[in-house]
């Protein structure tokens, strides 16, 4: 397999040279694709005007920066009515107009910007040796398209641009689990205008704020309003806490009276809840089973320790499945006078 097939799979370029240095790898290549069409009029290019070299940053190669020195062609546009006289070719899946990064590297940085944002994404790019700052990462993000109609089940809630200072409204498609739009404030007028411009919501899931309720009654009176699960549980816990605080004296008397009486006998006690086993618990049980399996086969304690790669002898008589089975190294817990010292050479 040629190196061009590894670096540029199914891309019409030909590798002419590879230079490896301490700082990175530079690949010299030239385009060998069919002549493209004019981006304005669509006339196919036939005559080559000139050639020039583009430097593209590519995804790192084995921990080193990868730079592509790509030689591309510029063609004449032979249609006299077209205002464009010349145009440069673009290699599909590799180059884009006015960009100094390859298409694959741009997809990487777009994913980092989408999931991490500016400064965290910049720190990750620095670790991955990607040439991108926070401003460049944020510039790759584009606003998603807002559908003309609202989703059937619309979720509405507020969020903080800056907590305690500025708040906005986020609109979510509950059935699809994705954000539909973001409003710059949490006023009822903004939400009502959005509902008028995007009709079609049958169920609106919201909190108990009066601003959203008035907007729904004004702009979408036929929609059914429901409270979301989180706010229901939050309001329920607040009401229970308030009630218990108001009747704390009665609750204290009841608790003292129940403490003085005999505890009631439980006829069918429920078994204690069993927690899922953790990794260390599973590992400890496996060690315990290995020790007793080797003991049953007639191995000595020292042989078991050597076979299981432990540095001290286990106590087979006192070992239980709930013990950690991690025995100390020789000398731990012994007096200092019994430590063996070897002179340094």
Protein backbone atom coordinates (compact mmCIF):
# COMPACT_ATOMS: atom_id res chain seq x y z
CA UNK A 1 0.00 0.00 0.00
CA UNK A 2 1.37 3.41 -1.00
CA UNK A 3 1.74 6.22 1.50
CA UNK A 4 -0.76 8.30 -0.46
CA UNK A 5 -3.45 5.67 0.09
CA UNK A 6 -2.80 5.82 3.84
CA UNK A 7 -2.75 9.61 4.20
CA UNK A 8 -5.37 10.47 1.55
CA UNK A 9 -7.75 7.53 1.10
CA UNK A 10 -10.08 7.99 -1.90
CA UNK A 11 -8.80 11.55 -2.45
CA UNK A 12 -7.45 12.58 -5.86
CA UNK A 13 -3.97 13.73 -4.86
CA UNK A 14 -0.51 12.35 -5.63
CA UNK A 15 2.22 12.40 -2.97
CA UNK A 16 5.56 13.58 -4.36
CA UNK A 17 7.71 13.86 -1.19
CA UNK A 18 7.60 13.42 2.58
CA UNK A 19 9.86 15.37 4.96
CA UNK A 20 10.09 14.25 8.59
CA UNK A 21 11.67 16.57 11.16
CA UNK A 22 11.67 16.88 14.92
CA UNK A 23 8.91 19.50 14.80
CA UNK A 24 6.57 17.67 12.44
CA UNK A 25 5.88 16.00 9.11
CA UNK A 26 5.52 17.86 5.81
CA UNK A 27 3.88 16.09 2.88
CA UNK A 28 4.27 17.51 -0.63
CA UNK A 29 1.41 16.56 -2.92
CA UNK A 30 -0.31 17.70 -6.09
CA UNK A 31 -3.89 17.48 -7.24
CA UNK A 32 -4.68 14.99 -9.96
CA UNK A 33 -8.47 15.27 -10.10
CA UNK A 34 -10.55 16.08 -13.14
CA UNK A 35 -10.81 19.79 -14.05
CA UNK A 36 -13.56 21.42 -11.97
CA UNK A 37 -16.36 23.70 -13.11
CA UNK A 38 -16.56 27.45 -12.58
CA UNK A 39 -18.29 28.16 -9.23
CA UNK A 40 -20.30 31.04 -10.79
CA UNK A 41 -21.50 29.83 -14.18
CA UNK A 42 -20.74 26.11 -14.07
CA UNK A 43 -18.64 26.11 -17.22
CA UNK A 44 -16.03 23.29 -17.05
CA UNK A 45 -12.43 24.41 -16.90
CA UNK A 46 -10.22 23.34 -19.78
CA UNK A 47 -7.21 25.64 -19.85
CA UNK A 48 -4.81 25.92 -16.95
CA UNK A 49 -3.99 29.48 -15.98
CA UNK A 50 -1.28 28.74 -13.40
CA UNK A 51 -0.32 26.58 -10.45
CA UNK A 52 0.35 27.57 -6.87
CA UNK A 53 1.03 25.88 -3.51
CA UNK A 54 -1.38 25.83 -0.55
CA UNK A 55 -0.24 24.97 2.97
CA UNK A 56 -2.88 23.05 4.90
CA UNK A 57 -2.79 21.96 8.53
CA UNK A 58 -3.93 18.36 8.87
CA UNK A 59 -4.70 16.11 11.85
CA UNK A 60 -1.56 15.05 13.79
CA UNK A 61 0.34 12.01 12.60
CA UNK A 62 1.81 9.74 15.35
CA UNK A 63 2.02 12.69 17.74
CA UNK A 64 3.60 15.14 15.28
CA UNK A 65 2.17 18.10 13.42
CA UNK A 66 1.22 17.28 9.85
CA UNK A 67 1.42 19.99 7.18
CA UNK A 68 0.32 19.38 3.59
CA UNK A 69 2.06 21.38 0.89
CA UNK A 70 -0.52 20.95 -1.87
CA UNK A 71 0.02 22.14 -5.43
CA UNK A 72 -3.29 23.06 -7.07
CA UNK A 73 -4.27 24.51 -10.45
CA UNK A 74 -6.03 27.71 -11.46
CA UNK A 75 -8.21 27.53 -14.57
CA UNK A 76 -9.61 30.02 -17.07
CA UNK A 77 -13.37 30.48 -17.33
CA UNK A 78 -14.01 30.52 -21.09
CA UNK A 79 -17.57 31.83 -20.90
CA UNK A 80 -17.48 35.49 -21.89
CA UNK A 81 -20.64 36.39 -20.02
CA UNK A 82 -19.22 35.16 -16.70
CA UNK A 83 -17.70 37.92 -14.55
CA UNK A 84 -15.12 35.49 -13.15
CA UNK A 85 -12.05 35.17 -15.33
CA UNK A 86 -10.12 32.52 -13.36
CA UNK A 87 -10.92 30.11 -10.57
CA UNK A 88 -8.94 27.70 -8.40
CA UNK A 89 -9.75 24.05 -7.98
CA UNK A 90 -10.83 22.53 -4.67
CA UNK A 91 -9.96 18.94 -3.77
CA UNK A 92 -13.07 17.20 -2.37
CA UNK A 93 -12.77 16.01 1.26
CA UNK A 94 -9.47 17.87 1.63
CA UNK A 95 -9.64 21.60 0.82
CA UNK A 96 -12.20 24.36 1.24
CA UNK A 97 -12.19 27.92 -0.01
CA UNK A 98 -10.29 30.45 2.11
CA UNK A 99 -9.34 27.85 4.73
CA UNK A 100 -5.89 26.83 5.92
CA UNK A 101 -7.10 23.64 7.56
CA UNK A 102 -8.11 20.41 5.91
CA UNK A 103 -11.73 19.29 5.90
CA UNK A 104 -10.97 16.46 8.34
CA UNK A 105 -9.23 18.76 10.82
CA UNK A 106 -12.11 21.20 10.60
CA UNK A 107 -14.57 18.41 11.51
CA UNK A 108 -12.42 17.56 14.54
CA UNK A 109 -12.32 21.16 15.75
CA UNK A 110 -16.04 21.60 15.12
CA UNK A 111 -16.81 18.58 17.31
CA UNK A 112 -14.52 19.92 20.07
CA UNK A 113 -16.14 23.35 19.91
CA UNK A 114 -19.63 21.83 20.00
CA UNK A 115 -19.04 19.63 23.05
CA UNK A 116 -16.55 21.73 25.07
CA UNK A 117 -16.81 25.34 23.94
CA UNK A 118 -14.02 27.92 23.93
CA UNK A 119 -11.42 27.68 26.70
CA UNK A 120 -11.90 23.96 27.54
CA UNK A 121 -11.74 23.18 23.82
CA UNK A 122 -8.55 25.22 23.48
CA UNK A 123 -6.91 23.23 26.29
CA UNK A 124 -7.89 19.95 24.63
CA UNK A 125 -6.56 21.16 21.26
CA UNK A 126 -3.29 22.09 22.93
CA UNK A 127 -3.03 18.56 24.33
CA UNK A 128 -3.86 16.99 20.95
CA UNK A 129 -1.43 19.36 19.18
CA UNK A 130 -4.18 20.96 17.11
CA UNK A 131 -3.52 24.57 16.01
CA UNK A 132 -6.71 26.21 17.29
CA UNK A 133 -7.53 28.91 19.82
CA UNK A 134 -10.81 29.58 21.59
CA UNK A 135 -11.76 32.38 19.19
CA UNK A 136 -11.26 30.13 16.18
CA UNK A 137 -13.23 27.30 17.80
CA UNK A 138 -16.18 29.54 18.62
CA UNK A 139 -16.08 30.95 15.09
CA UNK A 140 -16.73 27.47 13.69
CA UNK A 141 -20.08 27.25 15.46
CA UNK A 142 -23.15 28.30 13.50
CA UNK A 143 -26.68 28.83 14.74
CA UNK A 144 -28.94 25.83 14.04
CA UNK A 145 -31.88 26.26 11.74
CA UNK A 146 -35.17 26.95 13.52
CA UNK A 147 -38.13 24.98 12.12
CA UNK A 148 -41.09 26.92 10.80
CA UNK A 149 -43.51 25.07 13.07
CA UNK A 150 -43.16 24.38 16.75
CA UNK A 151 -42.80 20.73 17.81
CA UNK A 152 -45.86 18.86 19.04
CA UNK A 153 -44.52 18.66 22.61
CA UNK A 154 -42.65 21.87 23.44
CA UNK A 155 -40.58 22.25 26.60
CA UNK A 156 -39.97 25.73 28.02
CA UNK A 157 -37.60 26.67 30.81
CA UNK A 158 -35.28 29.48 31.82
CA UNK A 159 -31.49 29.41 32.02
CA UNK A 160 -28.83 31.87 33.11
CA UNK A 161 -26.45 33.61 30.74
CA UNK A 162 -24.93 35.00 33.93
CA UNK A 163 -26.44 33.83 37.17
CA UNK A 164 -28.14 36.63 39.06
CA UNK A 165 -27.80 39.10 36.18
CA UNK A 166 -29.21 37.94 32.87
CA UNK A 167 -31.55 35.08 32.04
CA UNK A 168 -32.91 33.60 28.83
CA UNK A 169 -35.43 31.01 27.68
CA UNK A 170 -34.59 27.67 26.10
CA UNK A 171 -37.17 25.86 23.94
CA UNK A 172 -36.80 22.10 23.59
CA UNK A 173 -38.45 19.44 21.45
CA UNK A 174 -39.32 16.98 24.22
CA UNK A 175 -40.01 14.02 21.92
CA UNK A 176 -36.79 14.44 19.90
CA UNK A 177 -34.67 15.56 22.87
CA UNK A 178 -33.03 18.53 21.13
CA UNK A 179 -32.96 22.30 21.53
CA UNK A 180 -35.24 24.15 19.10
CA UNK A 181 -34.44 27.78 19.85
CA UNK A 182 -33.07 30.14 22.50
CA UNK A 183 -34.75 33.43 23.43
CA UNK A 184 -32.68 36.35 24.76
CA UNK A 185 -34.90 36.91 27.83
CA UNK A 186 -37.59 35.24 29.92
CA UNK A 187 -40.41 37.71 29.32
CA UNK A 188 -43.88 36.60 28.33
CA UNK A 189 -43.92 38.94 25.30
CA UNK A 190 -40.90 37.28 23.66
CA UNK A 191 -42.32 33.79 24.20
CA UNK A 192 -45.75 34.85 22.92
CA UNK A 193 -44.21 36.31 19.74
CA UNK A 194 -42.30 33.08 19.15
CA UNK A 195 -45.48 31.00 19.53
CA UNK A 196 -47.27 33.20 16.98
CA UNK A 197 -44.43 32.85 14.48
CA UNK A 198 -44.14 29.07 15.02
CA UNK A 199 -47.60 27.52 15.48
CA UNK A 200 -48.26 23.83 15.96
CA UNK A 201 -47.52 23.17 19.64
CA UNK A 202 -50.15 20.85 21.13
CA UNK A 203 -48.56 20.25 24.56
CA UNK A 204 -46.38 22.79 26.34
CA UNK A 205 -44.31 21.49 29.23
CA UNK A 206 -43.25 24.36 31.50
CA UNK A 207 -42.51 25.37 35.06
CA UNK A 208 -45.02 27.18 37.27
CA UNK A 209 -43.87 30.69 36.36
CA UNK A 210 -46.72 33.04 35.51
CA UNK A 211 -44.88 34.68 32.57
CA UNK A 212 -44.88 31.52 30.45
CA UNK A 213 -48.46 30.70 31.42
CA UNK A 214 -49.77 34.08 30.29
CA UNK A 215 -47.85 33.79 27.01
CA UNK A 216 -49.43 30.40 26.31
CA UNK A 217 -52.93 31.66 27.07
CA UNK A 218 -52.36 34.64 24.79
CA UNK A 219 -50.61 33.09 21.78
CA UNK A 220 -51.59 29.38 21.92
CA UNK A 221 -54.87 29.02 23.82
CA UNK A 222 -55.55 25.57 22.34
CA UNK A 223 -52.35 24.03 23.68
CA UNK A 224 -52.42 21.88 26.79
CA UNK A 225 -50.17 23.07 29.61
CA UNK A 226 -48.47 20.56 31.88
CA UNK A 227 -45.83 20.89 34.57
CA UNK A 228 -42.58 19.02 34.05
CA UNK A 229 -41.43 16.30 36.43
CA UNK A 230 -38.51 18.19 37.95
CA UNK A 231 -40.59 21.18 39.01
CA UNK A 232 -43.34 18.93 40.36
CA UNK A 233 -40.87 17.09 42.59
CA UNK A 234 -39.20 20.35 43.60
CA UNK A 235 -42.51 21.96 44.57
CA UNK A 236 -43.57 18.81 46.42
CA UNK A 237 -40.35 18.69 48.45
CA UNK A 238 -40.65 22.39 49.28
CA UNK A 239 -44.24 21.93 50.46
CA UNK A 240 -43.34 18.90 52.60
CA UNK A 241 -40.38 20.74 54.14
CA UNK A 242 -42.54 23.78 54.92
CA UNK A 243 -45.26 21.63 56.51
CA UNK A 244 -42.77 19.72 58.66
CA UNK A 245 -41.19 22.98 59.79
CA UNK A 246 -44.55 24.43 60.84
CA UNK A 247 -45.51 21.28 62.81
CA UNK A 248 -42.11 20.43 64.21
CA UNK A 249 -43.37 20.54 67.81
CA UNK A 250 -46.08 17.98 67.09
CA UNK A 251 -43.63 15.78 65.22
CA UNK A 252 -41.17 15.94 68.12
CA UNK A 253 -43.88 14.84 70.61
CA UNK A 254 -44.89 11.97 68.34
CA UNK A 255 -41.28 10.85 67.97
CA UNK A 256 -40.76 10.90 71.77
CA UNK A 257 -43.98 8.93 72.32
CA UNK A 258 -42.96 6.27 69.81
CA UNK A 259 -39.52 5.99 71.41
CA UNK A 260 -41.02 5.20 74.83
CA UNK A 261 -43.36 2.48 73.55
CA UNK A 262 -42.27 -1.02 72.64
CA UNK A 263 -41.33 -1.49 69.03
CA UNK A 264 -43.94 -3.28 66.99
CA UNK A 265 -43.11 -6.76 65.80
CA UNK A 266 -42.56 -7.07 62.10
CA UNK A 267 -44.22 -10.23 60.80
CA UNK A 268 -42.58 -10.42 57.37
CA UNK A 269 -39.41 -8.35 57.48
CA UNK A 270 -38.10 -7.25 54.15
CA UNK A 271 -34.58 -8.34 53.21
CA UNK A 272 -31.96 -5.61 53.35
CA UNK A 273 -31.39 -3.93 50.02
CA UNK A 274 -28.44 -5.43 48.18
CA UNK A 275 -26.08 -2.94 46.60
CA UNK A 276 -24.56 -3.79 43.22
CA UNK A 277 -21.10 -5.34 43.61
CA UNK A 278 -18.18 -3.01 43.07
CA UNK A 279 -15.01 -3.83 41.15
CA UNK A 280 -12.92 -4.19 44.31
CA UNK A 281 -15.52 -6.54 45.85
CA UNK A 282 -15.52 -8.76 42.75
CA UNK A 283 -11.72 -8.77 42.69
CA UNK A 284 -11.57 -9.69 46.39
CA UNK A 285 -13.97 -12.62 45.95
CA UNK A 286 -11.94 -13.87 42.97
CA UNK A 287 -8.73 -13.71 45.03
CA UNK A 288 -10.38 -15.60 47.89
CA UNK A 289 -11.59 -18.31 45.52
CA UNK A 290 -8.14 -18.64 43.91
CA UNK A 291 -6.43 -19.02 47.31
CA UNK A 292 -8.71 -21.80 48.52
CA UNK A 293 -8.70 -23.54 45.15
CA UNK A 294 -4.89 -23.72 45.26
CA UNK A 295 -4.97 -24.82 48.91
CA UNK A 296 -7.31 -27.66 47.96
CA UNK A 297 -4.85 -28.72 45.25
CA UNK A 298 -2.10 -29.10 47.87
CA UNK A 299 -0.03 -25.96 47.20
CA UNK A 300 1.79 -24.32 50.08
CA UNK A 301 1.15 -20.77 51.22
CA UNK A 302 4.47 -19.57 49.80
CA UNK A 303 3.76 -21.22 46.46
CA UNK A 304 0.33 -19.58 46.36
CA UNK A 305 1.89 -16.17 47.05
CA UNK A 306 4.45 -16.66 44.28
CA UNK A 307 1.87 -17.92 41.85
CA UNK A 308 -0.55 -15.05 42.50
CA UNK A 309 2.32 -12.51 42.41
CA UNK A 310 1.97 -11.38 46.02
CA UNK A 311 4.95 -10.31 48.05
CA UNK A 312 3.84 -11.77 51.43
CA UNK A 313 2.25 -14.93 52.68
CA UNK A 314 -1.55 -14.89 53.02
CA UNK A 315 -3.20 -16.19 56.16
CA UNK A 316 -5.39 -18.93 54.73
CA UNK A 317 -7.06 -19.64 58.06
CA UNK A 318 -8.18 -16.08 58.65
CA UNK A 319 -8.88 -15.06 55.06
CA UNK A 320 -12.53 -14.37 54.36
CA UNK A 321 -14.30 -13.25 51.20
CA UNK A 322 -14.92 -9.83 52.75
CA UNK A 323 -11.29 -9.16 53.54
CA UNK A 324 -9.25 -7.11 51.15
CA UNK A 325 -6.68 -9.89 50.61
CA UNK A 326 -3.93 -7.30 50.29
CA UNK A 327 -1.16 -8.38 52.65
CA UNK A 328 1.65 -6.02 53.72
CA UNK A 329 5.13 -6.28 52.37
CA UNK A 330 7.80 -7.89 54.57
CA UNK A 331 8.93 -5.57 57.34
CA UNK A 332 5.79 -3.45 57.56
CA UNK A 333 4.61 -3.18 61.14
CA UNK A 334 7.87 -4.60 62.54
CA UNK A 335 10.11 -2.61 64.93
CA UNK A 336 12.76 -0.43 63.37
CA UNK A 337 15.51 -2.47 65.04
CA UNK A 338 14.47 -5.56 63.06
CA UNK A 339 14.72 -3.85 59.69
CA UNK A 340 17.51 -5.20 57.57
CA UNK A 341 19.81 -2.49 56.29
CA UNK A 342 22.20 -3.08 53.45
CA UNK A 343 25.08 -0.63 52.96
CA UNK A 344 25.05 1.38 49.81
CA UNK A 345 27.78 0.65 47.35
